[in-house]
Amino acid sequence: MLQYILTENGIADQVSLEYKSEATEVAAVLAENPDSVGLLPQPFVTVACSQNDRLMVVMDMNEQWSELQGESGSKLVTGVTIVRNDFLKDHESLVKIFLEDHAASAEATSTDLEKVAALSVEEGIIPKEPVALKAIPKCNIVCIKGADMKTALTGYLEVLYNFDPSSVGGKLPGDDFYYGK
């Protein structure tokens, strides 16, 4: 995703990327070297900024993605739920219940922020409730289903495929990859 955004903005050859395996490693580099630039997902951005007042957010990757993708409907999708076809065939009613619960959970991040923040701390996702209250609205937690989900994910998978086909299993998924009910 970052390589795509850098390439499309004509600056990929001006940037040297160093990948870290954990967000805490990126935050540590940013704390040690004030001239460094890092890319972190939420809620790690808010956590890192709360621990280091020299850090600041300079761009929103979702906005960058949307600008490059235009009217395609593609979204910067970083989390999905996948089930095997055999499981879906045998337990479709459970999958439907899960999707309903998932949609309600995603909705709760904007309608019951205090409860969700407390739960995120309780579950060890975010270290402190004040940080959770700041971070959760920036996490873009949504539940996208059916045709909207296919539209959102297709462009993202195409970008990954174009950079490295193995990143999506060597080929783009067919229509049967998407659950549309």
N, C-alpha and C. Protein backbone atom coordinates (compact mmCIF):
# COMPACT_ATOMS: atom_id res chain seq x y z
N MET A 1 0.83 -1.18 0.00
CA MET A 1 0.00 0.00 0.00
C MET A 1 0.87 1.24 0.00
N LEU A 2 1.86 1.30 0.88
CA LEU A 2 2.74 2.46 0.93
C LEU A 2 3.55 2.59 -0.36
N GLN A 3 4.06 1.47 -0.87
CA GLN A 3 4.80 1.51 -2.13
C GLN A 3 3.92 2.03 -3.26
N TYR A 4 2.68 1.61 -3.28
CA TYR A 4 1.74 2.07 -4.30
C TYR A 4 1.54 3.58 -4.21
N ILE A 5 1.30 4.08 -3.02
CA ILE A 5 1.07 5.51 -2.84
C ILE A 5 2.31 6.32 -3.19
N LEU A 6 3.48 5.84 -2.79
CA LEU A 6 4.72 6.54 -3.15
C LEU A 6 4.94 6.52 -4.66
N THR A 7 4.72 5.38 -5.28
CA THR A 7 4.91 5.25 -6.74
C THR A 7 3.94 6.15 -7.49
N GLU A 8 2.68 6.11 -7.12
CA GLU A 8 1.66 6.90 -7.82
C GLU A 8 1.89 8.40 -7.65
N ASN A 9 2.58 8.79 -6.58
CA ASN A 9 2.89 10.21 -6.36
C ASN A 9 4.27 10.57 -6.90
N GLY A 10 4.92 9.62 -7.57
CA GLY A 10 6.20 9.88 -8.23
C GLY A 10 7.37 10.09 -7.31
N ILE A 11 7.32 9.54 -6.11
CA ILE A 11 8.43 9.76 -5.17
C ILE A 11 9.03 8.46 -4.62
N ALA A 12 8.64 7.33 -5.17
CA ALA A 12 9.14 6.04 -4.66
C ALA A 12 10.65 5.95 -4.69
N ASP A 13 11.28 6.53 -5.73
CA ASP A 13 12.74 6.45 -5.84
C ASP A 13 13.47 7.42 -4.90
N GLN A 14 12.72 8.28 -4.22
CA GLN A 14 13.32 9.23 -3.28
C GLN A 14 13.23 8.78 -1.83
N VAL A 15 12.66 7.60 -1.62
CA VAL A 15 12.39 7.12 -0.27
C VAL A 15 13.03 5.76 -0.06
N SER A 16 13.63 5.59 1.09
CA SER A 16 14.17 4.29 1.47
C SER A 16 13.27 3.73 2.57
N LEU A 17 12.69 2.56 2.32
CA LEU A 17 11.78 1.96 3.29
C LEU A 17 12.50 0.91 4.12
N GLU A 18 12.21 0.92 5.40
CA GLU A 18 12.72 -0.09 6.32
C GLU A 18 11.51 -0.65 7.06
N TYR A 19 11.29 -1.94 6.91
CA TYR A 19 10.10 -2.56 7.50
C TYR A 19 10.42 -3.10 8.88
N LYS A 20 9.48 -2.95 9.76
CA LYS A 20 9.56 -3.49 11.12
C LYS A 20 8.41 -4.46 11.30
N SER A 21 8.60 -5.42 12.19
CA SER A 21 7.56 -6.44 12.36
C SER A 21 6.45 -6.02 13.31
N GLU A 22 6.69 -5.02 14.14
CA GLU A 22 5.68 -4.60 15.12
C GLU A 22 5.59 -3.08 15.18
N ALA A 23 4.41 -2.60 15.47
CA ALA A 23 4.19 -1.16 15.60
C ALA A 23 5.06 -0.56 16.70
N THR A 24 5.31 -1.31 17.76
CA THR A 24 6.14 -0.78 18.85
C THR A 24 7.57 -0.52 18.38
N GLU A 25 8.05 -1.31 17.43
CA GLU A 25 9.38 -1.07 16.87
C GLU A 25 9.42 0.25 16.10
N VAL A 26 8.37 0.51 15.33
CA VAL A 26 8.29 1.77 14.58
C VAL A 26 8.26 2.94 15.56
N ALA A 27 7.45 2.83 16.59
CA ALA A 27 7.35 3.90 17.58
C ALA A 27 8.70 4.14 18.25
N ALA A 28 9.45 3.08 18.50
CA ALA A 28 10.77 3.23 19.13
C ALA A 28 11.74 3.97 18.21
N VAL A 29 11.72 3.65 16.91
CA VAL A 29 12.57 4.34 15.94
C VAL A 29 12.19 5.82 15.89
N LEU A 30 10.92 6.11 15.88
CA LEU A 30 10.46 7.50 15.85
C LEU A 30 10.90 8.26 17.10
N ALA A 31 10.89 7.60 18.23
CA ALA A 31 11.30 8.24 19.48
C ALA A 31 12.81 8.49 19.50
N GLU A 32 13.58 7.58 18.93
CA GLU A 32 15.04 7.69 18.93
C GLU A 32 15.55 8.70 17.92
N ASN A 33 14.89 8.78 16.77
CA ASN A 33 15.39 9.61 15.68
C ASN A 33 14.33 10.63 15.28
N PRO A 34 14.45 11.87 15.72
CA PRO A 34 13.43 12.87 15.41
C PRO A 34 13.31 13.22 13.92
N ASP A 35 14.29 12.81 13.11
CA ASP A 35 14.22 13.07 11.67
C ASP A 35 13.55 11.94 10.90
N SER A 36 13.18 10.87 11.58
CA SER A 36 12.58 9.73 10.89
C SER A 36 11.09 9.96 10.66
N VAL A 37 10.58 9.21 9.71
CA VAL A 37 9.17 9.22 9.37
C VAL A 37 8.68 7.78 9.49
N GLY A 38 7.50 7.60 10.04
CA GLY A 38 6.99 6.25 10.21
C GLY A 38 5.55 6.14 9.79
N LEU A 39 5.15 4.93 9.50
CA LEU A 39 3.77 4.64 9.13
C LEU A 39 3.24 3.64 10.15
N LEU A 40 2.21 4.06 10.85
CA LEU A 40 1.58 3.22 11.85
C LEU A 40 0.07 3.20 11.63
N PRO A 41 -0.55 2.06 11.89
CA PRO A 41 -2.02 2.04 11.86
C PRO A 41 -2.57 2.53 13.19
N GLN A 42 -3.83 2.91 13.18
CA GLN A 42 -4.51 3.19 14.44
C GLN A 42 -4.78 1.85 15.11
N PRO A 43 -4.79 1.75 16.38
CA PRO A 43 -4.67 2.80 17.39
C PRO A 43 -3.23 3.13 17.75
N PHE A 44 -2.25 2.48 17.09
CA PHE A 44 -0.85 2.68 17.44
C PHE A 44 -0.39 4.11 17.21
N VAL A 45 -0.97 4.80 16.21
CA VAL A 45 -0.64 6.20 15.97
C VAL A 45 -0.96 7.03 17.22
N THR A 46 -2.16 6.87 17.71
CA THR A 46 -2.58 7.66 18.87
C THR A 46 -1.77 7.28 20.10
N VAL A 47 -1.49 6.00 20.28
CA VAL A 47 -0.67 5.56 21.42
C VAL A 47 0.72 6.19 21.33
N ALA A 48 1.36 6.09 20.16
CA ALA A 48 2.71 6.65 19.99
C ALA A 48 2.72 8.16 20.21
N CYS A 49 1.72 8.85 19.66
CA CYS A 49 1.66 10.31 19.83
C CYS A 49 1.41 10.70 21.28
N SER A 50 0.68 9.87 22.02
CA SER A 50 0.43 10.18 23.43
C SER A 50 1.68 9.96 24.27
N GLN A 51 2.61 9.14 23.78
CA GLN A 51 3.83 8.85 24.51
C GLN A 51 5.00 9.73 24.08
N ASN A 52 4.85 10.40 22.95
CA ASN A 52 5.93 11.23 22.42
C ASN A 52 5.32 12.47 21.78
N ASP A 53 5.39 13.60 22.49
CA ASP A 53 4.73 14.82 22.00
C ASP A 53 5.43 15.44 20.79
N ARG A 54 6.57 14.90 20.37
CA ARG A 54 7.24 15.39 19.16
C ARG A 54 6.66 14.76 17.90
N LEU A 55 5.85 13.71 18.06
CA LEU A 55 5.25 13.05 16.91
C LEU A 55 3.99 13.76 16.48
N MET A 56 3.72 13.72 15.17
CA MET A 56 2.48 14.29 14.65
C MET A 56 2.05 13.52 13.41
N VAL A 57 0.77 13.52 13.17
CA VAL A 57 0.22 12.89 11.98
C VAL A 57 0.29 13.91 10.84
N VAL A 58 0.90 13.50 9.73
CA VAL A 58 1.02 14.43 8.61
C VAL A 58 0.13 14.06 7.43
N MET A 59 -0.36 12.81 7.41
CA MET A 59 -1.30 12.46 6.35
C MET A 59 -2.11 11.25 6.76
N ASP A 60 -3.26 11.13 6.16
CA ASP A 60 -4.19 10.04 6.39
C ASP A 60 -4.11 9.11 5.18
N MET A 61 -3.70 7.87 5.40
CA MET A 61 -3.53 6.93 4.29
C MET A 61 -4.85 6.63 3.59
N ASN A 62 -5.96 6.64 4.33
CA ASN A 62 -7.26 6.43 3.69
C ASN A 62 -7.55 7.53 2.68
N GLU A 63 -7.24 8.77 3.04
CA GLU A 63 -7.45 9.88 2.11
C GLU A 63 -6.54 9.75 0.89
N GLN A 64 -5.28 9.37 1.12
CA GLN A 64 -4.36 9.19 0.00
C GLN A 64 -4.86 8.10 -0.94
N TRP A 65 -5.30 7.00 -0.36
CA TRP A 65 -5.82 5.88 -1.16
C TRP A 65 -7.03 6.33 -1.99
N SER A 66 -7.97 6.96 -1.33
CA SER A 66 -9.20 7.39 -2.01
C SER A 66 -8.89 8.36 -3.15
N GLU A 67 -7.94 9.25 -2.92
CA GLU A 67 -7.57 10.21 -3.96
C GLU A 67 -7.01 9.49 -5.19
N LEU A 68 -6.19 8.48 -4.96
CA LEU A 68 -5.59 7.75 -6.07
C LEU A 68 -6.59 6.82 -6.76
N GLN A 69 -7.52 6.27 -6.01
CA GLN A 69 -8.48 5.32 -6.57
C GLN A 69 -9.67 6.01 -7.24
N GLY A 70 -9.87 7.29 -6.95
CA GLY A 70 -10.94 8.04 -7.60
C GLY A 70 -12.31 7.48 -7.29
N GLU A 71 -13.12 7.36 -8.31
CA GLU A 71 -14.51 6.94 -8.16
C GLU A 71 -14.70 5.41 -8.19
N SER A 72 -13.61 4.65 -8.09
CA SER A 72 -13.70 3.20 -8.22
C SER A 72 -14.46 2.54 -7.07
N GLY A 73 -14.52 3.20 -5.93
CA GLY A 73 -15.15 2.60 -4.76
C GLY A 73 -14.20 1.75 -3.94
N SER A 74 -12.97 1.61 -4.41
CA SER A 74 -11.98 0.84 -3.67
C SER A 74 -11.65 1.53 -2.35
N LYS A 75 -11.47 0.72 -1.33
CA LYS A 75 -11.13 1.23 0.00
C LYS A 75 -9.82 0.62 0.43
N LEU A 76 -9.17 1.29 1.36
CA LEU A 76 -7.95 0.77 1.96
C LEU A 76 -8.36 -0.22 3.03
N VAL A 77 -8.51 -1.46 2.62
CA VAL A 77 -9.04 -2.51 3.49
C VAL A 77 -7.88 -3.20 4.20
N THR A 78 -7.89 -3.17 5.52
CA THR A 78 -6.79 -3.78 6.26
C THR A 78 -7.23 -4.93 7.16
N GLY A 79 -8.49 -5.22 7.19
CA GLY A 79 -8.97 -6.35 7.98
C GLY A 79 -10.22 -6.92 7.36
N VAL A 80 -10.25 -8.23 7.22
CA VAL A 80 -11.41 -8.90 6.66
C VAL A 80 -11.70 -10.16 7.46
N THR A 81 -12.90 -10.66 7.32
CA THR A 81 -13.28 -11.94 7.92
C THR A 81 -13.47 -12.93 6.79
N ILE A 82 -12.82 -14.07 6.92
CA ILE A 82 -12.87 -15.09 5.88
C ILE A 82 -13.27 -16.42 6.51
N VAL A 83 -14.14 -17.14 5.82
CA VAL A 83 -14.47 -18.52 6.21
C VAL A 83 -14.29 -19.42 5.00
N ARG A 84 -13.98 -20.67 5.26
CA ARG A 84 -13.86 -21.63 4.17
C ARG A 84 -15.25 -21.95 3.62
N ASN A 85 -15.30 -22.27 2.34
CA ASN A 85 -16.58 -22.58 1.70
C ASN A 85 -17.29 -23.74 2.38
N ASP A 86 -16.55 -24.75 2.81
CA ASP A 86 -17.16 -25.89 3.50
C ASP A 86 -17.85 -25.44 4.78
N PHE A 87 -17.20 -24.55 5.53
CA PHE A 87 -17.80 -24.05 6.77
C PHE A 87 -19.05 -23.25 6.44
N LEU A 88 -18.96 -22.40 5.44
CA LEU A 88 -20.12 -21.60 5.04
C LEU A 88 -21.28 -22.49 4.64
N LYS A 89 -21.01 -23.51 3.87
CA LYS A 89 -22.06 -24.43 3.42
C LYS A 89 -22.73 -25.11 4.61
N ASP A 90 -21.93 -25.54 5.58
CA ASP A 90 -22.47 -26.27 6.73
C ASP A 90 -23.05 -25.37 7.82
N HIS A 91 -22.65 -24.10 7.84
CA HIS A 91 -23.03 -23.23 8.96
C HIS A 91 -23.42 -21.82 8.50
N GLU A 92 -24.11 -21.72 7.38
CA GLU A 92 -24.44 -20.40 6.85
C GLU A 92 -25.25 -19.56 7.84
N SER A 93 -26.14 -20.19 8.59
CA SER A 93 -26.93 -19.41 9.56
C SER A 93 -26.02 -18.79 10.63
N LEU A 94 -24.96 -19.50 11.03
CA LEU A 94 -24.02 -18.93 12.00
C LEU A 94 -23.21 -17.78 11.39
N VAL A 95 -22.86 -17.92 10.13
CA VAL A 95 -22.13 -16.85 9.45
C VAL A 95 -22.99 -15.59 9.38
N LYS A 96 -24.28 -15.77 9.08
CA LYS A 96 -25.19 -14.62 9.03
C LYS A 96 -25.31 -13.96 10.40
N ILE A 97 -25.41 -14.76 11.46
CA ILE A 97 -25.47 -14.21 12.83
C ILE A 97 -24.17 -13.46 13.14
N PHE A 98 -23.04 -14.06 12.78
CA PHE A 98 -21.76 -13.40 13.01
C PHE A 98 -21.71 -12.05 12.30
N LEU A 99 -22.14 -12.00 11.05
CA LEU A 99 -22.13 -10.75 10.30
C LEU A 99 -23.04 -9.70 10.93
N GLU A 100 -24.17 -10.11 11.43
CA GLU A 100 -25.06 -9.18 12.13
C GLU A 100 -24.39 -8.65 13.39
N ASP A 101 -23.77 -9.54 14.15
CA ASP A 101 -23.07 -9.13 15.37
C ASP A 101 -21.88 -8.23 15.04
N HIS A 102 -21.18 -8.57 13.97
CA HIS A 102 -20.03 -7.76 13.55
C HIS A 102 -20.48 -6.34 13.17
N ALA A 103 -21.57 -6.25 12.44
CA ALA A 103 -22.10 -4.93 12.06
C ALA A 103 -22.49 -4.14 13.30
N ALA A 104 -23.13 -4.79 14.26
CA ALA A 104 -23.52 -4.11 15.50
C ALA A 104 -22.29 -3.67 16.29
N SER A 105 -21.28 -4.50 16.31
CA SER A 105 -20.04 -4.17 17.01
C SER A 105 -19.35 -2.96 16.37
N ALA A 106 -19.28 -2.96 15.05
CA ALA A 106 -18.68 -1.84 14.34
C ALA A 106 -19.46 -0.56 14.60
N GLU A 107 -20.78 -0.66 14.58
CA GLU A 107 -21.64 0.50 14.85
C GLU A 107 -21.41 1.04 16.26
N ALA A 108 -21.17 0.13 17.21
CA ALA A 108 -20.97 0.54 18.60
C ALA A 108 -19.73 1.42 18.77
N THR A 109 -18.77 1.31 17.86
CA THR A 109 -17.58 2.15 17.99
C THR A 109 -17.91 3.63 17.82
N SER A 110 -19.04 3.92 17.19
CA SER A 110 -19.43 5.33 17.07
C SER A 110 -20.62 5.69 17.95
N THR A 111 -21.41 4.70 18.36
CA THR A 111 -22.60 5.01 19.15
C THR A 111 -22.43 4.77 20.65
N ASP A 112 -21.43 3.97 21.03
CA ASP A 112 -21.20 3.67 22.45
C ASP A 112 -19.70 3.67 22.73
N LEU A 113 -19.06 4.77 22.36
CA LEU A 113 -17.61 4.88 22.42
C LEU A 113 -17.05 4.59 23.81
N GLU A 114 -17.70 5.07 24.85
CA GLU A 114 -17.18 4.87 26.20
C GLU A 114 -17.10 3.38 26.54
N LYS A 115 -18.13 2.64 26.22
CA LYS A 115 -18.15 1.20 26.51
C LYS A 115 -17.08 0.49 25.68
N VAL A 116 -16.99 0.83 24.40
CA VAL A 116 -16.01 0.20 23.52
C VAL A 116 -14.59 0.54 23.98
N ALA A 117 -14.37 1.76 24.41
CA ALA A 117 -13.04 2.15 24.91
C ALA A 117 -12.69 1.34 26.15
N ALA A 118 -13.63 1.21 27.07
CA ALA A 118 -13.38 0.43 28.28
C ALA A 118 -13.07 -1.03 27.93
N LEU A 119 -13.82 -1.60 27.00
CA LEU A 119 -13.58 -2.98 26.58
C LEU A 119 -12.22 -3.14 25.90
N SER A 120 -11.82 -2.16 25.11
CA SER A 120 -10.53 -2.25 24.42
C SER A 120 -9.38 -2.23 25.41
N VAL A 121 -9.53 -1.50 26.50
CA VAL A 121 -8.51 -1.49 27.56
C VAL A 121 -8.55 -2.82 28.31
N GLU A 122 -9.74 -3.26 28.66
CA GLU A 122 -9.91 -4.52 29.38
C GLU A 122 -9.31 -5.70 28.62
N GLU A 123 -9.44 -5.68 27.30
CA GLU A 123 -8.93 -6.77 26.46
C GLU A 123 -7.47 -6.58 26.07
N GLY A 124 -6.84 -5.48 26.52
CA GLY A 124 -5.43 -5.26 26.24
C GLY A 124 -5.13 -4.76 24.84
N ILE A 125 -6.12 -4.24 24.16
CA ILE A 125 -5.92 -3.74 22.79
C ILE A 125 -5.27 -2.35 22.81
N ILE A 126 -5.75 -1.51 23.71
CA ILE A 126 -5.23 -0.16 23.88
C ILE A 126 -4.91 0.00 25.36
N PRO A 127 -3.76 0.63 25.68
CA PRO A 127 -3.31 0.61 27.08
C PRO A 127 -4.13 1.42 28.07
N LYS A 128 -4.68 2.54 27.65
CA LYS A 128 -5.39 3.41 28.59
C LYS A 128 -6.67 3.94 27.96
N GLU A 129 -7.68 4.13 28.81
CA GLU A 129 -8.99 4.54 28.30
C GLU A 129 -8.97 5.92 27.61
N PRO A 130 -8.26 6.92 28.15
CA PRO A 130 -8.23 8.21 27.43
C PRO A 130 -7.63 8.08 26.02
N VAL A 131 -6.64 7.21 25.88
CA VAL A 131 -6.05 6.98 24.56
C VAL A 131 -7.06 6.27 23.66
N ALA A 132 -7.77 5.30 24.23
CA ALA A 132 -8.79 4.57 23.47
C ALA A 132 -9.88 5.51 22.99
N LEU A 133 -10.31 6.42 23.85
CA LEU A 133 -11.35 7.38 23.46
C LEU A 133 -10.91 8.26 22.30
N LYS A 134 -9.61 8.56 22.22
CA LYS A 134 -9.09 9.36 21.11
C LYS A 134 -8.88 8.50 19.86
N ALA A 135 -8.39 7.28 20.06
CA ALA A 135 -7.98 6.45 18.93
C ALA A 135 -9.14 5.80 18.19
N ILE A 136 -10.11 5.28 18.91
CA ILE A 136 -11.17 4.48 18.28
C ILE A 136 -11.90 5.23 17.16
N PRO A 137 -12.26 6.50 17.34
CA PRO A 137 -12.94 7.18 16.22
C PRO A 137 -12.06 7.32 14.97
N LYS A 138 -10.75 7.22 15.13
CA LYS A 138 -9.83 7.33 14.00
C LYS A 138 -9.52 5.98 13.36
N CYS A 139 -10.01 4.90 13.94
CA CYS A 139 -9.68 3.55 13.47
C CYS A 139 -10.47 3.13 12.23
N ASN A 140 -11.50 3.86 11.88
CA ASN A 140 -12.31 3.53 10.70
C ASN A 140 -12.84 2.10 10.77
N ILE A 141 -13.42 1.77 11.89
CA ILE A 141 -13.98 0.44 12.08
C ILE A 141 -15.36 0.40 11.43
N VAL A 142 -15.49 -0.43 10.43
CA VAL A 142 -16.74 -0.54 9.68
C VAL A 142 -17.03 -2.00 9.37
N CYS A 143 -18.24 -2.26 8.99
CA CYS A 143 -18.63 -3.58 8.50
C CYS A 143 -19.19 -3.38 7.10
N ILE A 144 -18.46 -3.87 6.13
CA ILE A 144 -18.86 -3.74 4.74
C ILE A 144 -19.21 -5.14 4.24
N LYS A 145 -20.38 -5.28 3.66
CA LYS A 145 -20.84 -6.61 3.23
C LYS A 145 -21.32 -6.57 1.78
N GLY A 146 -21.48 -7.76 1.22
CA GLY A 146 -22.09 -7.91 -0.09
C GLY A 146 -21.34 -7.21 -1.21
N ALA A 147 -22.10 -6.61 -2.11
CA ALA A 147 -21.52 -5.95 -3.28
C ALA A 147 -20.61 -4.79 -2.88
N ASP A 148 -20.95 -4.08 -1.81
CA ASP A 148 -20.10 -2.98 -1.35
C ASP A 148 -18.73 -3.49 -0.93
N MET A 149 -18.72 -4.65 -0.27
CA MET A 149 -17.46 -5.23 0.16
C MET A 149 -16.63 -5.65 -1.04
N LYS A 150 -17.25 -6.24 -2.03
CA LYS A 150 -16.51 -6.64 -3.23
C LYS A 150 -15.89 -5.42 -3.91
N THR A 151 -16.66 -4.36 -4.03
CA THR A 151 -16.14 -3.12 -4.64
C THR A 151 -14.98 -2.56 -3.83
N ALA A 152 -15.14 -2.54 -2.52
CA ALA A 152 -14.10 -1.98 -1.65
C ALA A 152 -12.82 -2.79 -1.72
N LEU A 153 -12.93 -4.09 -1.76
CA LEU A 153 -11.76 -4.97 -1.67
C LEU A 153 -11.09 -5.24 -3.00
N THR A 154 -11.84 -5.23 -4.10
CA THR A 154 -11.27 -5.58 -5.40
C THR A 154 -10.08 -4.69 -5.78
N GLY A 155 -10.23 -3.39 -5.67
CA GLY A 155 -9.14 -2.48 -6.04
C GLY A 155 -7.91 -2.67 -5.17
N TYR A 156 -8.14 -2.91 -3.89
CA TYR A 156 -7.03 -3.14 -2.96
C TYR A 156 -6.26 -4.40 -3.35
N LEU A 157 -7.00 -5.48 -3.62
CA LEU A 157 -6.34 -6.72 -4.01
C LEU A 157 -5.61 -6.57 -5.35
N GLU A 158 -6.16 -5.79 -6.26
CA GLU A 158 -5.49 -5.56 -7.55
C GLU A 158 -4.16 -4.84 -7.34
N VAL A 159 -4.13 -3.86 -6.46
CA VAL A 159 -2.88 -3.15 -6.18
C VAL A 159 -1.85 -4.11 -5.59
N LEU A 160 -2.27 -4.92 -4.62
CA LEU A 160 -1.35 -5.89 -4.04
C LEU A 160 -0.84 -6.86 -5.10
N TYR A 161 -1.73 -7.35 -5.92
CA TYR A 161 -1.36 -8.29 -6.98
C TYR A 161 -0.34 -7.66 -7.94
N ASN A 162 -0.57 -6.42 -8.33
CA ASN A 162 0.33 -5.76 -9.27
C ASN A 162 1.73 -5.57 -8.70
N PHE A 163 1.85 -5.41 -7.39
CA PHE A 163 3.17 -5.29 -6.77
C PHE A 163 3.81 -6.64 -6.56
N ASP A 164 3.02 -7.64 -6.18
CA ASP A 164 3.56 -8.98 -5.93
C ASP A 164 2.41 -9.98 -5.94
N PRO A 165 2.25 -10.70 -7.05
CA PRO A 165 1.13 -11.64 -7.16
C PRO A 165 1.05 -12.63 -5.99
N SER A 166 2.19 -12.99 -5.41
CA SER A 166 2.16 -13.95 -4.29
C SER A 166 1.47 -13.37 -3.06
N SER A 167 1.35 -12.05 -2.99
CA SER A 167 0.70 -11.43 -1.82
C SER A 167 -0.79 -11.73 -1.76
N VAL A 168 -1.36 -12.17 -2.88
CA VAL A 168 -2.78 -12.55 -2.91
C VAL A 168 -2.94 -14.00 -3.38
N GLY A 169 -1.92 -14.80 -3.17
CA GLY A 169 -2.01 -16.22 -3.53
C GLY A 169 -1.73 -16.52 -4.99
N GLY A 170 -1.12 -15.58 -5.71
CA GLY A 170 -0.73 -15.81 -7.10
C GLY A 170 -1.75 -15.44 -8.15
N LYS A 171 -2.99 -15.24 -7.73
CA LYS A 171 -4.01 -14.81 -8.68
C LYS A 171 -5.10 -14.05 -7.92
N LEU A 172 -5.80 -13.22 -8.65
CA LEU A 172 -6.90 -12.48 -8.03
C LEU A 172 -8.09 -13.41 -7.82
N PRO A 173 -8.80 -13.24 -6.72
CA PRO A 173 -9.93 -14.12 -6.46
C PRO A 173 -11.08 -13.87 -7.42
N GLY A 174 -11.83 -14.93 -7.67
CA GLY A 174 -13.02 -14.83 -8.52
C GLY A 174 -14.22 -14.37 -7.71
N ASP A 175 -15.34 -14.27 -8.37
CA ASP A 175 -16.57 -13.81 -7.71
C ASP A 175 -16.99 -14.70 -6.55
N ASP A 176 -16.64 -15.98 -6.60
CA ASP A 176 -17.04 -16.88 -5.53
C ASP A 176 -16.27 -16.66 -4.23
N PHE A 177 -15.27 -15.79 -4.28
CA PHE A 177 -14.51 -15.42 -3.08
C PHE A 177 -15.36 -14.54 -2.15
N TYR A 178 -16.29 -13.83 -2.70
CA TYR A 178 -17.08 -12.84 -1.96
C TYR A 178 -18.43 -13.40 -1.56
N TYR A 179 -18.79 -13.16 -0.32
CA TYR A 179 -20.08 -13.60 0.18
C TYR A 179 -21.05 -12.44 0.01
N GLY A 180 -22.09 -12.65 -0.76
CA GLY A 180 -22.98 -11.55 -1.10
C GLY A 180 -24.36 -11.62 -0.53
N LYS A 181 -24.59 -12.40 0.50
CA LYS A 181 -25.95 -12.54 1.03
C LYS A 181 -26.16 -11.68 2.23
